[in-house]
Amino acid sequence: GRPSTPTRPRLTRWHSEPTMVPQLPTALIRDAIAQDRLDEASELIGEHARQVQLAITDGRLDASRREAWQELLDQQRLLLTELQRARDESSEALKRMRGQRRGSDAYRRAAGGAG
């Protein structure tokens, strides 16, 4: 007899399977935001967005999963809002530090000029 060789699954079957909704790495993103690693948080969101785009463009979307996709979109928007808020807070903190430095520099100049 002939040796048996494993067969690969047909591609048509793979394409007929519904697409799984890509999982948003919410905990990793929030952790990066909390630790002021905002670029990392942005990259995580961007990579997830690319995975979602791939799932959309590959034509394997299952319309019955609309609710899951909507929930994912809502979660992504919430994380983007949190990331923007963290960036705004960082920007404001930097402005305060610059203002304090200017005040400190002016004080030193005035103290140095008086002596």
PDB file of N, CA and C in Angstrom:
ATOM      1  N   GLY A   1       0.780  -1.178   0.000  1.00  0.00           N
ATOM      2  CA  GLY A   1       0.000   0.000   0.000  1.00  0.00           C
ATOM      3  C   GLY A   1       0.838   1.265   0.000  1.00  0.00           C
ATOM      4  N   ARG A   2       0.198   2.360  -0.354  1.00  0.00           N
ATOM      5  CA  ARG A   2       0.843   3.661  -0.358  1.00  0.00           C
ATOM      6  C   ARG A   2       0.861   4.248   1.042  1.00  0.00           C
ATOM      7  N   PRO A   3       1.970   4.973   1.370  1.00  0.00           N
ATOM      8  CA  PRO A   3       1.963   5.640   2.679  1.00  0.00           C
ATOM      9  C   PRO A   3       0.933   6.770   2.662  1.00  0.00           C
ATOM     10  N   SER A   4       0.260   6.935   3.779  1.00  0.00           N
ATOM     11  CA  SER A   4      -0.746   8.001   3.825  1.00  0.00           C
ATOM     12  C   SER A   4      -0.054   9.345   4.047  1.00  0.00           C
ATOM     13  N   THR A   5      -0.529  10.320   3.359  1.00  0.00           N
ATOM     14  CA  THR A   5       0.015  11.668   3.527  1.00  0.00           C
ATOM     15  C   THR A   5      -1.096  12.564   4.050  1.00  0.00           C
ATOM     16  N   PRO A   6      -0.758  13.391   5.002  1.00  0.00           N
ATOM     17  CA  PRO A   6      -1.809  14.273   5.540  1.00  0.00           C
ATOM     18  C   PRO A   6      -2.253  15.273   4.470  1.00  0.00           C
ATOM     19  N   THR A   7      -3.510  15.577   4.484  1.00  0.00           N
ATOM     20  CA  THR A   7      -4.027  16.560   3.531  1.00  0.00           C
ATOM     21  C   THR A   7      -4.236  17.882   4.247  1.00  0.00           C
ATOM     22  N   ARG A   8      -4.038  18.932   3.515  1.00  0.00           N
ATOM     23  CA  ARG A   8      -4.248  20.270   4.068  1.00  0.00           C
ATOM     24  C   ARG A   8      -5.709  20.651   3.915  1.00  0.00           C
ATOM     25  N   PRO A   9      -6.214  21.442   4.843  1.00  0.00           N
ATOM     26  CA  PRO A   9      -7.605  21.888   4.674  1.00  0.00           C
ATOM     27  C   PRO A   9      -7.724  22.780   3.446  1.00  0.00           C
ATOM     28  N   ARG A  10      -8.857  22.668   2.790  1.00  0.00           N
ATOM     29  CA  ARG A  10      -9.067  23.487   1.602  1.00  0.00           C
ATOM     30  C   ARG A  10      -9.230  24.950   1.989  1.00  0.00           C
ATOM     31  N   LEU A  11      -8.674  25.837   1.172  1.00  0.00           N
ATOM     32  CA  LEU A  11      -8.765  27.267   1.448  1.00  0.00           C
ATOM     33  C   LEU A  11     -10.199  27.768   1.427  1.00  0.00           C
ATOM     34  N   THR A  12     -11.025  27.171   0.585  1.00  0.00           N
ATOM     35  CA  THR A  12     -12.403  27.645   0.517  1.00  0.00           C
ATOM     36  C   THR A  12     -13.102  27.454   1.852  1.00  0.00           C
ATOM     37  N   ARG A  13     -12.784  26.380   2.541  1.00  0.00           N
ATOM     38  CA  ARG A  13     -13.400  26.175   3.850  1.00  0.00           C
ATOM     39  C   ARG A  13     -12.928  27.231   4.834  1.00  0.00           C
ATOM     40  N   TRP A  14     -11.633  27.539   4.838  1.00  0.00           N
ATOM     41  CA  TRP A  14     -11.088  28.555   5.734  1.00  0.00           C
ATOM     42  C   TRP A  14     -11.757  29.898   5.493  1.00  0.00           C
ATOM     43  N   HIS A  15     -11.968  30.260   4.218  1.00  0.00           N
ATOM     44  CA  HIS A  15     -12.568  31.549   3.902  1.00  0.00           C
ATOM     45  C   HIS A  15     -14.045  31.597   4.263  1.00  0.00           C
ATOM     46  N   SER A  16     -14.675  30.476   4.413  1.00  0.00           N
ATOM     47  CA  SER A  16     -16.092  30.504   4.751  1.00  0.00           C
ATOM     48  C   SER A  16     -16.310  30.619   6.257  1.00  0.00           C
ATOM     49  N   GLU A  17     -15.259  30.456   7.037  1.00  0.00           N
ATOM     50  CA  GLU A  17     -15.397  30.575   8.479  1.00  0.00           C
ATOM     51  C   GLU A  17     -15.545  32.038   8.861  1.00  0.00           C
ATOM     52  N   PRO A  18     -16.386  32.334   9.847  1.00  0.00           N
ATOM     53  CA  PRO A  18     -16.544  33.734  10.240  1.00  0.00           C
ATOM     54  C   PRO A  18     -15.265  34.256  10.890  1.00  0.00           C
ATOM     55  N   THR A  19     -15.024  35.527  10.691  1.00  0.00           N
ATOM     56  CA  THR A  19     -13.856  36.167  11.276  1.00  0.00           C
ATOM     57  C   THR A  19     -14.081  36.355  12.765  1.00  0.00           C
ATOM     58  N   MET A  20     -13.085  36.024  13.527  1.00  0.00           N
ATOM     59  CA  MET A  20     -13.128  36.309  14.952  1.00  0.00           C
ATOM     60  C   MET A  20     -12.844  37.790  15.123  1.00  0.00           C
ATOM     61  N   VAL A  21     -13.506  38.409  16.058  1.00  0.00           N
ATOM     62  CA  VAL A  21     -13.267  39.810  16.337  1.00  0.00           C
ATOM     63  C   VAL A  21     -11.912  39.929  17.017  1.00  0.00           C
ATOM     64  N   PRO A  22     -10.979  40.708  16.442  1.00  0.00           N
ATOM     65  CA  PRO A  22      -9.667  40.862  17.070  1.00  0.00           C
ATOM     66  C   PRO A  22      -9.805  41.438  18.488  1.00  0.00           C
ATOM     67  N   GLN A  23      -9.134  40.819  19.421  1.00  0.00           N
ATOM     68  CA  GLN A  23      -9.227  41.253  20.813  1.00  0.00           C
ATOM     69  C   GLN A  23      -8.396  42.503  21.043  1.00  0.00           C
ATOM     70  N   LEU A  24      -8.991  43.490  21.638  1.00  0.00           N
ATOM     71  CA  LEU A  24      -8.321  44.736  21.969  1.00  0.00           C
ATOM     72  C   LEU A  24      -7.519  44.511  23.255  1.00  0.00           C
ATOM     73  N   PRO A  25      -6.207  44.789  23.239  1.00  0.00           N
ATOM     74  CA  PRO A  25      -5.389  44.568  24.446  1.00  0.00           C
ATOM     75  C   PRO A  25      -5.602  45.687  25.476  1.00  0.00           C
ATOM     76  N   THR A  26      -6.817  45.774  25.981  1.00  0.00           N
ATOM     77  CA  THR A  26      -7.225  46.860  26.868  1.00  0.00           C
ATOM     78  C   THR A  26      -6.310  46.999  28.084  1.00  0.00           C
ATOM     79  N   ALA A  27      -6.008  45.899  28.749  1.00  0.00           N
ATOM     80  CA  ALA A  27      -5.175  45.968  29.961  1.00  0.00           C
ATOM     81  C   ALA A  27      -3.775  46.491  29.637  1.00  0.00           C
ATOM     82  N   LEU A  28      -3.196  46.019  28.540  1.00  0.00           N
ATOM     83  CA  LEU A  28      -1.860  46.482  28.157  1.00  0.00           C
ATOM     84  C   LEU A  28      -1.865  47.967  27.818  1.00  0.00           C
ATOM     85  N   ILE A  29      -2.915  48.404  27.126  1.00  0.00           N
ATOM     86  CA  ILE A  29      -3.018  49.812  26.738  1.00  0.00           C
ATOM     87  C   ILE A  29      -3.179  50.688  27.967  1.00  0.00           C
ATOM     88  N   ARG A  30      -4.069  50.301  28.867  1.00  0.00           N
ATOM     89  CA  ARG A  30      -4.277  51.096  30.085  1.00  0.00           C
ATOM     90  C   ARG A  30      -3.028  51.108  30.957  1.00  0.00           C
ATOM     91  N   ASP A  31      -2.327  49.999  31.011  1.00  0.00           N
ATOM     92  CA  ASP A  31      -1.085  49.944  31.780  1.00  0.00           C
ATOM     93  C   ASP A  31      -0.057  50.908  31.186  1.00  0.00           C
ATOM     94  N   ALA A  32       0.070  50.915  29.874  1.00  0.00           N
ATOM     95  CA  ALA A  32       1.018  51.823  29.218  1.00  0.00           C
ATOM     96  C   ALA A  32       0.633  53.280  29.478  1.00  0.00           C
ATOM     97  N   ILE A  33      -0.661  53.594  29.431  1.00  0.00           N
ATOM     98  CA  ILE A  33      -1.115  54.955  29.715  1.00  0.00           C
ATOM     99  C   ILE A  33      -0.791  55.324  31.160  1.00  0.00           C
ATOM    100  N   ALA A  34      -1.091  54.427  32.081  1.00  0.00           N
ATOM    101  CA  ALA A  34      -0.855  54.699  33.502  1.00  0.00           C
ATOM    102  C   ALA A  34       0.621  54.930  33.802  1.00  0.00           C
ATOM    103  N   GLN A  35       1.496  54.268  33.055  1.00  0.00           N
ATOM    104  CA  GLN A  35       2.933  54.408  33.279  1.00  0.00           C
ATOM    105  C   GLN A  35       3.557  55.464  32.364  1.00  0.00           C
ATOM    106  N   ASP A  36       2.707  56.284  31.751  1.00  0.00           N
ATOM    107  CA  ASP A  36       3.136  57.390  30.893  1.00  0.00           C
ATOM    108  C   ASP A  36       3.958  56.923  29.699  1.00  0.00           C
ATOM    109  N   ARG A  37       3.658  55.718  29.215  1.00  0.00           N
ATOM    110  CA  ARG A  37       4.284  55.208  27.988  1.00  0.00           C
ATOM    111  C   ARG A  37       3.261  55.401  26.869  1.00  0.00           C
ATOM    112  N   LEU A  38       3.029  56.668  26.555  1.00  0.00           N
ATOM    113  CA  LEU A  38       1.933  57.012  25.650  1.00  0.00           C
ATOM    114  C   LEU A  38       2.189  56.564  24.225  1.00  0.00           C
ATOM    115  N   ASP A  39       3.451  56.600  23.791  1.00  0.00           N
ATOM    116  CA  ASP A  39       3.764  56.121  22.440  1.00  0.00           C
ATOM    117  C   ASP A  39       3.475  54.625  22.326  1.00  0.00           C
ATOM    118  N   GLU A  40       3.809  53.880  23.369  1.00  0.00           N
ATOM    119  CA  GLU A  40       3.539  52.437  23.371  1.00  0.00           C
ATOM    120  C   GLU A  40       2.030  52.178  23.318  1.00  0.00           C
ATOM    121  N   ALA A  41       1.271  52.929  24.101  1.00  0.00           N
ATOM    122  CA  ALA A  41      -0.189  52.770  24.094  1.00  0.00           C
ATOM    123  C   ALA A  41      -0.739  53.065  22.700  1.00  0.00           C
ATOM    124  N   SER A  42      -0.227  54.111  22.085  1.00  0.00           N
ATOM    125  CA  SER A  42      -0.661  54.468  20.735  1.00  0.00           C
ATOM    126  C   SER A  42      -0.320  53.364  19.730  1.00  0.00           C
ATOM    127  N   GLU A  43       0.867  52.779  19.855  1.00  0.00           N
ATOM    128  CA  GLU A  43       1.265  51.686  18.962  1.00  0.00           C
ATOM    129  C   GLU A  43       0.370  50.468  19.149  1.00  0.00           C
ATOM    130  N   LEU A  44       0.008  50.157  20.387  1.00  0.00           N
ATOM    131  CA  LEU A  44      -0.878  49.020  20.648  1.00  0.00           C
ATOM    132  C   LEU A  44      -2.250  49.242  20.006  1.00  0.00           C
ATOM    133  N   ILE A  45      -2.769  50.450  20.135  1.00  0.00           N
ATOM    134  CA  ILE A  45      -4.057  50.764  19.517  1.00  0.00           C
ATOM    135  C   ILE A  45      -3.931  50.698  18.001  1.00  0.00           C
ATOM    136  N   GLY A  46      -2.842  51.232  17.464  1.00  0.00           N
ATOM    137  CA  GLY A  46      -2.624  51.207  16.015  1.00  0.00           C
ATOM    138  C   GLY A  46      -2.518  49.798  15.465  1.00  0.00           C
ATOM    139  N   GLU A  47      -1.792  48.933  16.172  1.00  0.00           N
ATOM    140  CA  GLU A  47      -1.654  47.539  15.727  1.00  0.00           C
ATOM    141  C   GLU A  47      -3.017  46.849  15.743  1.00  0.00           C
ATOM    142  N   HIS A  48      -3.806  47.117  16.768  1.00  0.00           N
ATOM    143  CA  HIS A  48      -5.136  46.532  16.824  1.00  0.00           C
ATOM    144  C   HIS A  48      -5.989  47.038  15.674  1.00  0.00           C
ATOM    145  N   ALA A  49      -5.897  48.329  15.373  1.00  0.00           N
ATOM    146  CA  ALA A  49      -6.666  48.893  14.256  1.00  0.00           C
ATOM    147  C   ALA A  49      -6.273  48.220  12.943  1.00  0.00           C
ATOM    148  N   ARG A  50      -4.971  47.912  12.777  1.00  0.00           N
ATOM    149  CA  ARG A  50      -4.526  47.210  11.560  1.00  0.00           C
ATOM    150  C   ARG A  50      -5.123  45.802  11.499  1.00  0.00           C
ATOM    151  N   GLN A  51      -5.202  45.120  12.638  1.00  0.00           N
ATOM    152  CA  GLN A  51      -5.797  43.781  12.675  1.00  0.00           C
ATOM    153  C   GLN A  51      -7.279  43.838  12.304  1.00  0.00           C
ATOM    154  N   VAL A  52      -7.962  44.855  12.806  1.00  0.00           N
ATOM    155  CA  VAL A  52      -9.379  45.019  12.484  1.00  0.00           C
ATOM    156  C   VAL A  52      -9.535  45.295  10.985  1.00  0.00           C
ATOM    157  N   GLN A  53      -8.689  46.182  10.453  1.00  0.00           N
ATOM    158  CA  GLN A  53      -8.758  46.495   9.018  1.00  0.00           C
ATOM    159  C   GLN A  53      -8.537  45.251   8.173  1.00  0.00           C
ATOM    160  N   LEU A  54      -7.590  44.419   8.577  1.00  0.00           N
ATOM    161  CA  LEU A  54      -7.328  43.182   7.855  1.00  0.00           C
ATOM    162  C   LEU A  54      -8.549  42.270   7.887  1.00  0.00           C
ATOM    163  N   ALA A  55      -9.182  42.175   9.049  1.00  0.00           N
ATOM    164  CA  ALA A  55     -10.377  41.342   9.161  1.00  0.00           C
ATOM    165  C   ALA A  55     -11.499  41.861   8.273  1.00  0.00           C
ATOM    166  N   ILE A  56     -11.576  43.175   8.132  1.00  0.00           N
ATOM    167  CA  ILE A  56     -12.613  43.770   7.286  1.00  0.00           C
ATOM    168  C   ILE A  56     -12.305  43.533   5.810  1.00  0.00           C
ATOM    169  N   THR A  57     -11.056  43.771   5.418  1.00  0.00           N
ATOM    170  CA  THR A  57     -10.710  43.684   3.999  1.00  0.00           C
ATOM    171  C   THR A  57     -10.589  42.264   3.477  1.00  0.00           C
ATOM    172  N   ASP A  58     -10.417  41.279   4.357  1.00  0.00           N
ATOM    173  CA  ASP A  58     -10.270  39.920   3.845  1.00  0.00           C
ATOM    174  C   ASP A  58     -11.604  39.299   3.449  1.00  0.00           C
ATOM    175  N   GLY A  59     -12.708  40.024   3.694  1.00  0.00           N
ATOM    176  CA  GLY A  59     -14.011  39.581   3.220  1.00  0.00           C
ATOM    177  C   GLY A  59     -14.630  38.442   3.991  1.00  0.00           C
ATOM    178  N   ARG A  60     -14.152  38.174   5.179  1.00  0.00           N
ATOM    179  CA  ARG A  60     -14.687  37.053   5.942  1.00  0.00           C
ATOM    180  C   ARG A  60     -15.572  37.500   7.098  1.00  0.00           C
ATOM    181  N   LEU A  61     -16.070  38.701   7.056  1.00  0.00           N
ATOM    182  CA  LEU A  61     -16.879  39.200   8.159  1.00  0.00           C
ATOM    183  C   LEU A  61     -18.213  38.474   8.240  1.00  0.00           C
ATOM    184  N   ASP A  62     -18.632  38.239   9.434  1.00  0.00           N
ATOM    185  CA  ASP A  62     -19.909  37.603   9.696  1.00  0.00           C
ATOM    186  C   ASP A  62     -20.856  38.701  10.185  1.00  0.00           C
ATOM    187  N   ALA A  63     -21.858  38.989   9.415  1.00  0.00           N
ATOM    188  CA  ALA A  63     -22.785  40.072   9.759  1.00  0.00           C
ATOM    189  C   ALA A  63     -23.461  39.842  11.107  1.00  0.00           C
ATOM    190  N   SER A  64     -23.588  38.597  11.522  1.00  0.00           N
ATOM    191  CA  SER A  64     -24.236  38.314  12.800  1.00  0.00           C
ATOM    192  C   SER A  64     -23.382  38.769  13.983  1.00  0.00           C
ATOM    193  N   ARG A  65     -22.126  39.098  13.740  1.00  0.00           N
ATOM    194  CA  ARG A  65     -21.235  39.539  14.815  1.00  0.00           C
ATOM    195  C   ARG A  65     -21.213  41.071  14.929  1.00  0.00           C
ATOM    196  N   ARG A  66     -22.179  41.740  14.319  1.00  0.00           N
ATOM    197  CA  ARG A  66     -22.214  43.200  14.315  1.00  0.00           C
ATOM    198  C   ARG A  66     -22.140  43.773  15.729  1.00  0.00           C
ATOM    199  N   GLU A  67     -22.846  43.177  16.661  1.00  0.00           N
ATOM    200  CA  GLU A  67     -22.848  43.672  18.038  1.00  0.00           C
ATOM    201  C   GLU A  67     -21.440  43.617  18.643  1.00  0.00           C
ATOM    202  N   ALA A  68     -20.721  42.536  18.375  1.00  0.00           N
ATOM    203  CA  ALA A  68     -19.354  42.409  18.890  1.00  0.00           C
ATOM    204  C   ALA A  68     -18.439  43.464  18.269  1.00  0.00           C
ATOM    205  N   TRP A  69     -18.623  43.713  16.967  1.00  0.00           N
ATOM    206  CA  TRP A  69     -17.812  44.732  16.301  1.00  0.00           C
ATOM    207  C   TRP A  69     -18.132  46.120  16.851  1.00  0.00           C
ATOM    208  N   GLN A  70     -19.404  46.384  17.122  1.00  0.00           N
ATOM    209  CA  GLN A  70     -19.793  47.694  17.670  1.00  0.00           C
ATOM    210  C   GLN A  70     -19.209  47.874  19.067  1.00  0.00           C
ATOM    211  N   GLU A  71     -19.250  46.825  19.873  1.00  0.00           N
ATOM    212  CA  GLU A  71     -18.677  46.883  21.219  1.00  0.00           C
ATOM    213  C   GLU A  71     -17.168  47.145  21.138  1.00  0.00           C
ATOM    214  N   LEU A  72     -16.515  46.491  20.203  1.00  0.00           N
ATOM    215  CA  LEU A  72     -15.080  46.692  20.013  1.00  0.00           C
ATOM    216  C   LEU A  72     -14.783  48.138  19.622  1.00  0.00           C
ATOM    217  N   LEU A  73     -15.570  48.680  18.707  1.00  0.00           N
ATOM    218  CA  LEU A  73     -15.393  50.069  18.286  1.00  0.00           C
ATOM    219  C   LEU A  73     -15.579  51.016  19.467  1.00  0.00           C
ATOM    220  N   ASP A  74     -16.584  50.763  20.288  1.00  0.00           N
ATOM    221  CA  ASP A  74     -16.821  51.595  21.466  1.00  0.00           C
ATOM    222  C   ASP A  74     -15.646  51.525  22.438  1.00  0.00           C
ATOM    223  N   GLN A  75     -15.111  50.326  22.653  1.00  0.00           N
ATOM    224  CA  GLN A  75     -13.957  50.171  23.540  1.00  0.00           C
ATOM    225  C   GLN A  75     -12.738  50.908  22.985  1.00  0.00           C
ATOM    226  N   GLN A  76     -12.540  50.800  21.689  1.00  0.00           N
ATOM    227  CA  GLN A  76     -11.394  51.463  21.062  1.00  0.00           C
ATOM    228  C   GLN A  76     -11.521  52.983  21.195  1.00  0.00           C
ATOM    229  N   ARG A  77     -12.710  53.498  20.974  1.00  0.00           N
ATOM    230  CA  ARG A  77     -12.932  54.947  21.123  1.00  0.00           C
ATOM    231  C   ARG A  77     -12.670  55.397  22.551  1.00  0.00           C
ATOM    232  N   LEU A  78     -13.109  54.608  23.524  1.00  0.00           N
ATOM    233  CA  LEU A  78     -12.889  54.945  24.925  1.00  0.00           C
ATOM    234  C   LEU A  78     -11.387  55.003  25.231  1.00  0.00           C
ATOM    235  N   LEU A  79     -10.639  54.019  24.749  1.00  0.00           N
ATOM    236  CA  LEU A  79      -9.195  54.006  24.981  1.00  0.00           C
ATOM    237  C   LEU A  79      -8.503  55.175  24.281  1.00  0.00           C
ATOM    238  N   LEU A  80      -8.958  55.514  23.080  1.00  0.00           N
ATOM    239  CA  LEU A  80      -8.386  56.674  22.391  1.00  0.00           C
ATOM    240  C   LEU A  80      -8.663  57.956  23.174  1.00  0.00           C
ATOM    241  N   THR A  81      -9.843  58.063  23.777  1.00  0.00           N
ATOM    242  CA  THR A  81     -10.167  59.219  24.613  1.00  0.00           C
ATOM    243  C   THR A  81      -9.265  59.255  25.840  1.00  0.00           C
ATOM    244  N   GLU A  82      -9.051  58.102  26.476  1.00  0.00           N
ATOM    245  CA  GLU A  82      -8.163  58.033  27.639  1.00  0.00           C
ATOM    246  C   GLU A  82      -6.735  58.412  27.259  1.00  0.00           C
ATOM    247  N   LEU A  83      -6.280  57.943  26.106  1.00  0.00           N
ATOM    248  CA  LEU A  83      -4.931  58.267  25.635  1.00  0.00           C
ATOM    249  C   LEU A  83      -4.809  59.767  25.368  1.00  0.00           C
ATOM    250  N   GLN A  84      -5.814  60.358  24.734  1.00  0.00           N
ATOM    251  CA  GLN A  84      -5.776  61.799  24.460  1.00  0.00           C
ATOM    252  C   GLN A  84      -5.770  62.589  25.765  1.00  0.00           C
ATOM    253  N   ARG A  85      -6.558  62.159  26.737  1.00  0.00           N
ATOM    254  CA  ARG A  85      -6.593  62.833  28.035  1.00  0.00           C
ATOM    255  C   ARG A  85      -5.218  62.766  28.704  1.00  0.00           C
ATOM    256  N   ALA A  86      -4.569  61.614  28.652  1.00  0.00           N
ATOM    257  CA  ALA A  86      -3.237  61.455  29.238  1.00  0.00           C
ATOM    258  C   ALA A  86      -2.217  62.341  28.523  1.00  0.00           C
ATOM    259  N   ARG A  87      -2.323  62.434  27.211  1.00  0.00           N
ATOM    260  CA  ARG A  87      -1.415  63.308  26.454  1.00  0.00           C
ATOM    261  C   ARG A  87      -1.638  64.769  26.818  1.00  0.00           C
ATOM    262  N   ASP A  88      -2.900  65.159  26.961  1.00  0.00           N
ATOM    263  CA  ASP A  88      -3.210  66.536  27.352  1.00  0.00           C
ATOM    264  C   ASP A  88      -2.642  66.846  28.736  1.00  0.00           C
ATOM    265  N   GLU A  89      -2.803  65.899  29.676  1.00  0.00           N
ATOM    266  CA  GLU A  89      -2.272  66.089  31.027  1.00  0.00           C
ATOM    267  C   GLU A  89      -0.754  66.197  31.005  1.00  0.00           C
ATOM    268  N   SER A  90      -0.096  65.379  30.207  1.00  0.00           N
ATOM    269  CA  SER A  90       1.366  65.442  30.093  1.00  0.00           C
ATOM    270  C   SER A  90       1.803  66.775  29.511  1.00  0.00           C
ATOM    271  N   SER A  91       1.077  67.247  28.526  1.00  0.00           N
ATOM    272  CA  SER A  91       1.395  68.525  27.903  1.00  0.00           C
ATOM    273  C   SER A  91       1.243  69.666  28.909  1.00  0.00           C
ATOM    274  N   GLU A  92       0.174  69.628  29.686  1.00  0.00           N
ATOM    275  CA  GLU A  92      -0.050  70.665  30.698  1.00  0.00           C
ATOM    276  C   GLU A  92       1.036  70.617  31.773  1.00  0.00           C
ATOM    277  N   ALA A  93       1.432  69.422  32.186  1.00  0.00           N
ATOM    278  CA  ALA A  93       2.495  69.286  33.195  1.00  0.00           C
ATOM    279  C   ALA A  93       3.808  69.857  32.656  1.00  0.00           C
ATOM    280  N   LEU A  94       4.088  69.595  31.404  1.00  0.00           N
ATOM    281  CA  LEU A  94       5.309  70.128  30.788  1.00  0.00           C
ATOM    282  C   LEU A  94       5.269  71.654  30.734  1.00  0.00           C
ATOM    283  N   LYS A  95       4.120  72.208  30.389  1.00  0.00           N
ATOM    284  CA  LYS A  95       3.980  73.672  30.366  1.00  0.00           C
ATOM    285  C   LYS A  95       4.202  74.261  31.757  1.00  0.00           C
ATOM    286  N   ARG A  96       3.636  73.611  32.795  1.00  0.00           N
ATOM    287  CA  ARG A  96       3.830  74.094  34.164  1.00  0.00           C
ATOM    288  C   ARG A  96       5.299  74.055  34.554  1.00  0.00           C
ATOM    289  N   MET A  97       5.975  72.962  34.185  1.00  0.00           N
ATOM    290  CA  MET A  97       7.405  72.834  34.514  1.00  0.00           C
ATOM    291  C   MET A  97       8.212  73.923  33.815  1.00  0.00           C
ATOM    292  N   ARG A  98       7.887  74.205  32.572  1.00  0.00           N
ATOM    293  CA  ARG A  98       8.600  75.263  31.840  1.00  0.00           C
ATOM    294  C   ARG A  98       8.359  76.616  32.494  1.00  0.00           C
ATOM    295  N   GLY A  99       7.130  76.873  32.917  1.00  0.00           N
ATOM    296  CA  GLY A  99       6.809  78.128  33.589  1.00  0.00           C
ATOM    297  C   GLY A  99       7.554  78.253  34.902  1.00  0.00           C
ATOM    298  N   GLN A 100       7.622  77.156  35.655  1.00  0.00           N
ATOM    299  CA  GLN A 100       8.355  77.170  36.916  1.00  0.00           C
ATOM    300  C   GLN A 100       9.841  77.411  36.677  1.00  0.00           C
ATOM    301  N   ARG A 101      10.354  76.835  35.629  1.00  0.00           N
ATOM    302  CA  ARG A 101      11.772  77.025  35.319  1.00  0.00           C
ATOM    303  C   ARG A 101      12.055  78.472  34.939  1.00  0.00           C
ATOM    304  N   ARG A 102      11.172  79.043  34.148  1.00  0.00           N
ATOM    305  CA  ARG A 102      11.351  80.452  33.778  1.00  0.00           C
ATOM    306  C   ARG A 102      11.334  81.332  35.023  1.00  0.00           C
ATOM    307  N   GLY A 103      10.401  81.043  35.945  1.00  0.00           N
ATOM    308  CA  GLY A 103      10.329  81.809  37.194  1.00  0.00           C
ATOM    309  C   GLY A 103      11.582  81.630  38.028  1.00  0.00           C
ATOM    310  N   SER A 104      12.080  80.407  38.093  1.00  0.00           N
ATOM    311  CA  SER A 104      13.303  80.114  38.845  1.00  0.00           C
ATOM    312  C   SER A 104      14.506  80.815  38.222  1.00  0.00           C
ATOM    313  N   ASP A 105      14.597  80.777  36.907  1.00  0.00           N
ATOM    314  CA  ASP A 105      15.699  81.456  36.209  1.00  0.00           C
ATOM    315  C   ASP A 105      15.654  82.964  36.455  1.00  0.00           C
ATOM    316  N   ALA A 106      14.448  83.548  36.410  1.00  0.00           N
ATOM    317  CA  ALA A 106      14.301  84.987  36.650  1.00  0.00           C
ATOM    318  C   ALA A 106      14.706  85.335  38.076  1.00  0.00           C
ATOM    319  N   TYR A 107      14.331  84.496  39.031  1.00  0.00           N
ATOM    320  CA  TYR A 107      14.696  84.730  40.432  1.00  0.00           C
ATOM    321  C   TYR A 107      16.213  84.690  40.607  1.00  0.00           C
ATOM    322  N   ARG A 108      16.840  83.695  39.989  1.00  0.00           N
ATOM    323  CA  ARG A 108      18.322  83.595  40.104  1.00  0.00           C
ATOM    324  C   ARG A 108      19.010  84.786  39.469  1.00  0.00           C
ATOM    325  N   ARG A 109      18.492  85.220  38.325  1.00  0.00           N
ATOM    326  CA  ARG A 109      19.105  86.390  37.677  1.00  0.00           C
ATOM    327  C   ARG A 109      18.958  87.629  38.552  1.00  0.00           C
ATOM    328  N   ALA A 110      17.758  87.789  39.139  1.00  0.00           N
ATOM    329  CA  ALA A 110      17.517  88.967  40.007  1.00  0.00           C
ATOM    330  C   ALA A 110      18.387  88.892  41.255  1.00  0.00           C
ATOM    331  N   ALA A 111      18.520  87.704  41.825  1.00  0.00           N
ATOM    332  CA  ALA A 111      19.341  87.546  43.035  1.00  0.00           C
ATOM    333  C   ALA A 111      20.816  87.773  42.711  1.00  0.00           C
ATOM    334  N   GLY A 112      21.228  87.300  41.540  1.00  0.00           N
ATOM    335  CA  GLY A 112      22.635  87.474  41.134  1.00  0.00           C
ATOM    336  C   GLY A 112      22.957  88.914  40.807  1.00  0.00           C
ATOM    337  N   GLY A 113      22.008  89.625  40.257  1.00  0.00           N
ATOM    338  CA  GLY A 113      22.232  91.032  39.888  1.00  0.00           C
ATOM    339  C   GLY A 113      22.201  91.948  41.092  1.00  0.00           C
ATOM    340  N   ALA A 114      21.531  91.550  42.164  1.00  0.00           N
ATOM    341  CA  ALA A 114      21.441  92.402  43.362  1.00  0.00           C
ATOM    342  C   ALA A 114      22.704  92.319  44.208  1.00  0.00           C
ATOM    343  N   GLY A 115      23.464  91.230  44.069  1.00  0.00           N
ATOM    344  CA  GLY A 115      24.625  91.018  44.943  1.00  0.00           C
ATOM    345  C   GLY A 115      25.836  91.599  44.408  1.00  0.00           C
TER     346      GLY A 115
END
